[in-house]
Amino acid sequence: MQRALSEWERERIREVANDLMAGKAARKTKGKGDIAKHYRAQLDEMKQLRECGVTGRIDFEDFF
């Protein structure tokens, strides 16, 4: 069951979504920055879990 977001949570999501500087910084790295490194590591971890026989959904850590 999901709960409704609080007003503070909704406002925080809006702030992050509208952060132009963070978006520009992410686009400039083109797969070489911290965000790409983080998700590449998450992908490697997921592949290892699959090789070990894990089935179903595998959750991963968000960058932010």
PDB file of N, CA and C in Angstrom:
ATOM      1  N   MET A   1       0.839  -1.180   0.000  1.00  0.00           N
ATOM      2  CA  MET A   1       0.000   0.000   0.000  1.00  0.00           C
ATOM      3  C   MET A   1       0.884   1.243   0.000  1.00  0.00           C
ATOM      4  N   GLN A   2       0.534   2.173  -0.825  1.00  0.00           N
ATOM      5  CA  GLN A   2       1.318   3.394  -0.921  1.00  0.00           C
ATOM      6  C   GLN A   2       0.657   4.499  -0.115  1.00  0.00           C
ATOM      7  N   ARG A   3       1.484   5.374   0.448  1.00  0.00           N
ATOM      8  CA  ARG A   3       0.945   6.494   1.204  1.00  0.00           C
ATOM      9  C   ARG A   3       1.070   7.757   0.364  1.00  0.00           C
ATOM     10  N   ALA A   4       0.265   8.731   0.667  1.00  0.00           N
ATOM     11  CA  ALA A   4       0.332  10.008  -0.033  1.00  0.00           C
ATOM     12  C   ALA A   4       1.568  10.779   0.428  1.00  0.00           C
ATOM     13  N   LEU A   5       2.139  11.546  -0.471  1.00  0.00           N
ATOM     14  CA  LEU A   5       3.309  12.356  -0.118  1.00  0.00           C
ATOM     15  C   LEU A   5       2.874  13.571   0.691  1.00  0.00           C
ATOM     16  N   SER A   6       3.723  13.958   1.607  1.00  0.00           N
ATOM     17  CA  SER A   6       3.443  15.165   2.383  1.00  0.00           C
ATOM     18  C   SER A   6       3.727  16.387   1.518  1.00  0.00           C
ATOM     19  N   GLU A   7       3.291  17.534   1.966  1.00  0.00           N
ATOM     20  CA  GLU A   7       3.543  18.768   1.215  1.00  0.00           C
ATOM     21  C   GLU A   7       5.039  19.031   1.107  1.00  0.00           C
ATOM     22  N   TRP A   8       5.796  18.772   2.169  1.00  0.00           N
ATOM     23  CA  TRP A   8       7.242  18.958   2.140  1.00  0.00           C
ATOM     24  C   TRP A   8       7.889  18.050   1.096  1.00  0.00           C
ATOM     25  N   GLU A   9       7.454  16.785   1.034  1.00  0.00           N
ATOM     26  CA  GLU A   9       8.011  15.842   0.063  1.00  0.00           C
ATOM     27  C   GLU A   9       7.698  16.278  -1.373  1.00  0.00           C
ATOM     28  N   ARG A  10       6.482  16.731  -1.607  1.00  0.00           N
ATOM     29  CA  ARG A  10       6.110  17.206  -2.943  1.00  0.00           C
ATOM     30  C   ARG A  10       6.947  18.423  -3.334  1.00  0.00           C
ATOM     31  N   GLU A  11       7.141  19.333  -2.400  1.00  0.00           N
ATOM     32  CA  GLU A  11       7.941  20.524  -2.677  1.00  0.00           C
ATOM     33  C   GLU A  11       9.396  20.149  -2.962  1.00  0.00           C
ATOM     34  N   ARG A  12       9.933  19.213  -2.223  1.00  0.00           N
ATOM     35  CA  ARG A  12      11.319  18.760  -2.433  1.00  0.00           C
ATOM     36  C   ARG A  12      11.478  18.123  -3.815  1.00  0.00           C
ATOM     37  N   ILE A  13      10.512  17.330  -4.231  1.00  0.00           N
ATOM     38  CA  ILE A  13      10.550  16.718  -5.560  1.00  0.00           C
ATOM     39  C   ILE A  13      10.542  17.799  -6.630  1.00  0.00           C
ATOM     40  N   ARG A  14       9.700  18.826  -6.436  1.00  0.00           N
ATOM     41  CA  ARG A  14       9.673  19.938  -7.400  1.00  0.00           C
ATOM     42  C   ARG A  14      11.024  20.641  -7.469  1.00  0.00           C
ATOM     43  N   GLU A  15      11.648  20.878  -6.328  1.00  0.00           N
ATOM     44  CA  GLU A  15      12.949  21.544  -6.294  1.00  0.00           C
ATOM     45  C   GLU A  15      14.005  20.748  -7.055  1.00  0.00           C
ATOM     46  N   VAL A  16      14.052  19.446  -6.819  1.00  0.00           N
ATOM     47  CA  VAL A  16      15.039  18.601  -7.483  1.00  0.00           C
ATOM     48  C   VAL A  16      14.761  18.539  -8.985  1.00  0.00           C
ATOM     49  N   ALA A  17      13.489  18.408  -9.354  1.00  0.00           N
ATOM     50  CA  ALA A  17      13.131  18.322 -10.769  1.00  0.00           C
ATOM     51  C   ALA A  17      13.445  19.610 -11.509  1.00  0.00           C
ATOM     52  N   ASN A  18      13.361  20.743 -10.844  1.00  0.00           N
ATOM     53  CA  ASN A  18      13.572  22.028 -11.498  1.00  0.00           C
ATOM     54  C   ASN A  18      14.980  22.584 -11.310  1.00  0.00           C
ATOM     55  N   ASP A  19      15.895  21.789 -10.795  1.00  0.00           N
ATOM     56  CA  ASP A  19      17.270  22.236 -10.581  1.00  0.00           C
ATOM     57  C   ASP A  19      18.032  22.194 -11.907  1.00  0.00           C
ATOM     58  N   LEU A  20      18.061  23.317 -12.585  1.00  0.00           N
ATOM     59  CA  LEU A  20      18.677  23.391 -13.905  1.00  0.00           C
ATOM     60  C   LEU A  20      20.177  23.128 -13.868  1.00  0.00           C
ATOM     61  N   MET A  21      20.837  23.620 -12.851  1.00  0.00           N
ATOM     62  CA  MET A  21      22.290  23.450 -12.780  1.00  0.00           C
ATOM     63  C   MET A  21      22.682  21.981 -12.630  1.00  0.00           C
ATOM     64  N   ALA A  22      21.934  21.234 -11.839  1.00  0.00           N
ATOM     65  CA  ALA A  22      22.231  19.804 -11.685  1.00  0.00           C
ATOM     66  C   ALA A  22      22.005  19.074 -13.008  1.00  0.00           C
ATOM     67  N   GLY A  23      20.954  19.452 -13.725  1.00  0.00           N
ATOM     68  CA  GLY A  23      20.681  18.837 -15.021  1.00  0.00           C
ATOM     69  C   GLY A  23      21.762  19.137 -16.036  1.00  0.00           C
ATOM     70  N   LYS A  24      22.216  20.386 -16.066  1.00  0.00           N
ATOM     71  CA  LYS A  24      23.289  20.762 -16.995  1.00  0.00           C
ATOM     72  C   LYS A  24      24.582  20.034 -16.659  1.00  0.00           C
ATOM     73  N   ALA A  25      24.881  19.930 -15.380  1.00  0.00           N
ATOM     74  CA  ALA A  25      26.103  19.239 -14.962  1.00  0.00           C
ATOM     75  C   ALA A  25      26.050  17.764 -15.354  1.00  0.00           C
ATOM     76  N   ALA A  26      24.893  17.135 -15.215  1.00  0.00           N
ATOM     77  CA  ALA A  26      24.741  15.727 -15.566  1.00  0.00           C
ATOM     78  C   ALA A  26      24.900  15.522 -17.067  1.00  0.00           C
ATOM     79  N   ARG A  27      24.372  16.433 -17.872  1.00  0.00           N
ATOM     80  CA  ARG A  27      24.482  16.302 -19.328  1.00  0.00           C
ATOM     81  C   ARG A  27      25.919  16.511 -19.802  1.00  0.00           C
ATOM     82  N   LYS A  28      26.683  17.362 -19.136  1.00  0.00           N
ATOM     83  CA  LYS A  28      28.059  17.642 -19.555  1.00  0.00           C
ATOM     84  C   LYS A  28      28.972  16.440 -19.396  1.00  0.00           C
ATOM     85  N   THR A  29      28.674  15.559 -18.466  1.00  0.00           N
ATOM     86  CA  THR A  29      29.567  14.433 -18.205  1.00  0.00           C
ATOM     87  C   THR A  29      29.460  13.354 -19.276  1.00  0.00           C
ATOM     88  N   LYS A  30      28.321  13.215 -19.935  1.00  0.00           N
ATOM     89  CA  LYS A  30      28.109  12.249 -21.024  1.00  0.00           C
ATOM     90  C   LYS A  30      28.608  10.854 -20.673  1.00  0.00           C
ATOM     91  N   GLY A  31      28.173  10.331 -19.543  1.00  0.00           N
ATOM     92  CA  GLY A  31      28.512   8.961 -19.164  1.00  0.00           C
ATOM     93  C   GLY A  31      29.836   8.795 -18.446  1.00  0.00           C
ATOM     94  N   LYS A  32      30.473   9.893 -18.073  1.00  0.00           N
ATOM     95  CA  LYS A  32      31.775   9.796 -17.423  1.00  0.00           C
ATOM     96  C   LYS A  32      31.783  10.353 -16.007  1.00  0.00           C
ATOM     97  N   GLY A  33      30.681  10.904 -15.556  1.00  0.00           N
ATOM     98  CA  GLY A  33      30.638  11.557 -14.258  1.00  0.00           C
ATOM     99  C   GLY A  33      30.259  10.630 -13.123  1.00  0.00           C
ATOM    100  N   ASP A  34      30.026  11.238 -11.969  1.00  0.00           N
ATOM    101  CA  ASP A  34      29.692  10.490 -10.759  1.00  0.00           C
ATOM    102  C   ASP A  34      28.397   9.716 -10.892  1.00  0.00           C
ATOM    103  N   ILE A  35      27.414  10.306 -11.566  1.00  0.00           N
ATOM    104  CA  ILE A  35      26.120   9.631 -11.729  1.00  0.00           C
ATOM    105  C   ILE A  35      26.300   8.365 -12.550  1.00  0.00           C
ATOM    106  N   ALA A  36      27.024   8.466 -13.656  1.00  0.00           N
ATOM    107  CA  ALA A  36      27.263   7.292 -14.508  1.00  0.00           C
ATOM    108  C   ALA A  36      28.036   6.221 -13.747  1.00  0.00           C
ATOM    109  N   LYS A  37      29.041   6.626 -12.989  1.00  0.00           N
ATOM    110  CA  LYS A  37      29.822   5.663 -12.201  1.00  0.00           C
ATOM    111  C   LYS A  37      28.935   4.935 -11.203  1.00  0.00           C
ATOM    112  N   HIS A  38      28.049   5.691 -10.557  1.00  0.00           N
ATOM    113  CA  HIS A  38      27.150   5.092  -9.564  1.00  0.00           C
ATOM    114  C   HIS A  38      26.264   4.028 -10.205  1.00  0.00           C
ATOM    115  N   TYR A  39      25.606   4.382 -11.312  1.00  0.00           N
ATOM    116  CA  TYR A  39      24.686   3.434 -11.938  1.00  0.00           C
ATOM    117  C   TYR A  39      25.413   2.285 -12.620  1.00  0.00           C
ATOM    118  N   ARG A  40      26.643   2.510 -13.088  1.00  0.00           N
ATOM    119  CA  ARG A  40      27.425   1.416 -13.638  1.00  0.00           C
ATOM    120  C   ARG A  40      27.743   0.397 -12.543  1.00  0.00           C
ATOM    121  N   ALA A  41      28.077   0.893 -11.350  1.00  0.00           N
ATOM    122  CA  ALA A  41      28.348   0.001 -10.211  1.00  0.00           C
ATOM    123  C   ALA A  41      27.085  -0.753  -9.809  1.00  0.00           C
ATOM    124  N   GLN A  42      25.939  -0.075  -9.853  1.00  0.00           N
ATOM    125  CA  GLN A  42      24.681  -0.736  -9.521  1.00  0.00           C
ATOM    126  C   GLN A  42      24.372  -1.840 -10.537  1.00  0.00           C
ATOM    127  N   LEU A  43      24.636  -1.583 -11.814  1.00  0.00           N
ATOM    128  CA  LEU A  43      24.413  -2.578 -12.856  1.00  0.00           C
ATOM    129  C   LEU A  43      25.311  -3.786 -12.643  1.00  0.00           C
ATOM    130  N   ASP A  44      26.573  -3.551 -12.321  1.00  0.00           N
ATOM    131  CA  ASP A  44      27.500  -4.659 -12.055  1.00  0.00           C
ATOM    132  C   ASP A  44      27.005  -5.513 -10.887  1.00  0.00           C
ATOM    133  N   GLU A  45      26.518  -4.858  -9.848  1.00  0.00           N
ATOM    134  CA  GLU A  45      26.003  -5.590  -8.687  1.00  0.00           C
ATOM    135  C   GLU A  45      24.784  -6.429  -9.070  1.00  0.00           C
ATOM    136  N   MET A  46      23.891  -5.861  -9.879  1.00  0.00           N
ATOM    137  CA  MET A  46      22.713  -6.601 -10.317  1.00  0.00           C
ATOM    138  C   MET A  46      23.103  -7.809 -11.159  1.00  0.00           C
ATOM    139  N   LYS A  47      24.084  -7.632 -12.045  1.00  0.00           N
ATOM    140  CA  LYS A  47      24.540  -8.758 -12.878  1.00  0.00           C
ATOM    141  C   LYS A  47      25.112  -9.874 -12.015  1.00  0.00           C
ATOM    142  N   GLN A  48      25.881  -9.518 -10.987  1.00  0.00           N
ATOM    143  CA  GLN A  48      26.438 -10.525 -10.088  1.00  0.00           C
ATOM    144  C   GLN A  48      25.339 -11.281  -9.353  1.00  0.00           C
ATOM    145  N   LEU A  49      24.316 -10.551  -8.902  1.00  0.00           N
ATOM    146  CA  LEU A  49      23.202 -11.206  -8.211  1.00  0.00           C
ATOM    147  C   LEU A  49      22.473 -12.159  -9.141  1.00  0.00           C
ATOM    148  N   ARG A  50      22.269 -11.779 -10.400  1.00  0.00           N
ATOM    149  CA  ARG A  50      21.608 -12.655 -11.371  1.00  0.00           C
ATOM    150  C   ARG A  50      22.432 -13.910 -11.619  1.00  0.00           C
ATOM    151  N   GLU A  51      23.764 -13.745 -11.715  1.00  0.00           N
ATOM    152  CA  GLU A  51      24.624 -14.906 -11.916  1.00  0.00           C
ATOM    153  C   GLU A  51      24.564 -15.870 -10.740  1.00  0.00           C
ATOM    154  N   CYS A  52      24.292 -15.345  -9.555  1.00  0.00           N
ATOM    155  CA  CYS A  52      24.188 -16.181  -8.352  1.00  0.00           C
ATOM    156  C   CYS A  52      22.811 -16.816  -8.229  1.00  0.00           C
ATOM    157  N   GLY A  53      21.915 -16.526  -9.171  1.00  0.00           N
ATOM    158  CA  GLY A  53      20.614 -17.177  -9.172  1.00  0.00           C
ATOM    159  C   GLY A  53      19.465 -16.364  -8.612  1.00  0.00           C
ATOM    160  N   VAL A  54      19.688 -15.115  -8.303  1.00  0.00           N
ATOM    161  CA  VAL A  54      18.611 -14.277  -7.777  1.00  0.00           C
ATOM    162  C   VAL A  54      17.619 -14.012  -8.899  1.00  0.00           C
ATOM    163  N   THR A  55      16.331 -14.221  -8.604  1.00  0.00           N
ATOM    164  CA  THR A  55      15.280 -13.944  -9.582  1.00  0.00           C
ATOM    165  C   THR A  55      14.341 -12.894  -9.008  1.00  0.00           C
ATOM    166  N   GLY A  56      13.534 -12.322  -9.862  1.00  0.00           N
ATOM    167  CA  GLY A  56      12.587 -11.319  -9.398  1.00  0.00           C
ATOM    168  C   GLY A  56      13.202  -9.933  -9.382  1.00  0.00           C
ATOM    169  N   ARG A  57      12.515  -9.043  -8.714  1.00  0.00           N
ATOM    170  CA  ARG A  57      12.928  -7.640  -8.672  1.00  0.00           C
ATOM    171  C   ARG A  57      14.168  -7.466  -7.803  1.00  0.00           C
ATOM    172  N   ILE A  58      15.108  -6.678  -8.305  1.00  0.00           N
ATOM    173  CA  ILE A  58      16.305  -6.322  -7.540  1.00  0.00           C
ATOM    174  C   ILE A  58      16.272  -4.796  -7.384  1.00  0.00           C
ATOM    175  N   ASP A  59      16.171  -4.330  -6.168  1.00  0.00           N
ATOM    176  CA  ASP A  59      16.170  -2.895  -5.917  1.00  0.00           C
ATOM    177  C   ASP A  59      17.589  -2.360  -5.945  1.00  0.00           C
ATOM    178  N   PHE A  60      17.742  -1.121  -6.321  1.00  0.00           N
ATOM    179  CA  PHE A  60      19.044  -0.491  -6.342  1.00  0.00           C
ATOM    180  C   PHE A  60      18.967   0.864  -5.664  1.00  0.00           C
ATOM    181  N   GLU A  61      20.119   1.391  -5.320  1.00  0.00           N
ATOM    182  CA  GLU A  61      20.199   2.674  -4.621  1.00  0.00           C
ATOM    183  C   GLU A  61      20.130   3.816  -5.634  1.00  0.00           C
ATOM    184  N   ASP A  62      19.313   4.818  -5.334  1.00  0.00           N
ATOM    185  CA  ASP A  62      19.262   6.014  -6.159  1.00  0.00           C
ATOM    186  C   ASP A  62      20.539   6.813  -5.971  1.00  0.00           C
ATOM    187  N   PHE A  63      20.867   7.630  -6.956  1.00  0.00           N
ATOM    188  CA  PHE A  63      22.073   8.456  -6.847  1.00  0.00           C
ATOM    189  C   PHE A  63      21.854   9.595  -5.864  1.00  0.00           C
ATOM    190  N   PHE A  64      20.690  10.220  -5.923  1.00  0.00           N
ATOM    191  CA  PHE A  64      20.437  11.388  -5.086  1.00  0.00           C
ATOM    192  C   PHE A  64      19.946  11.008  -3.726  1.00  0.00           C
TER     193      PHE A  64
END
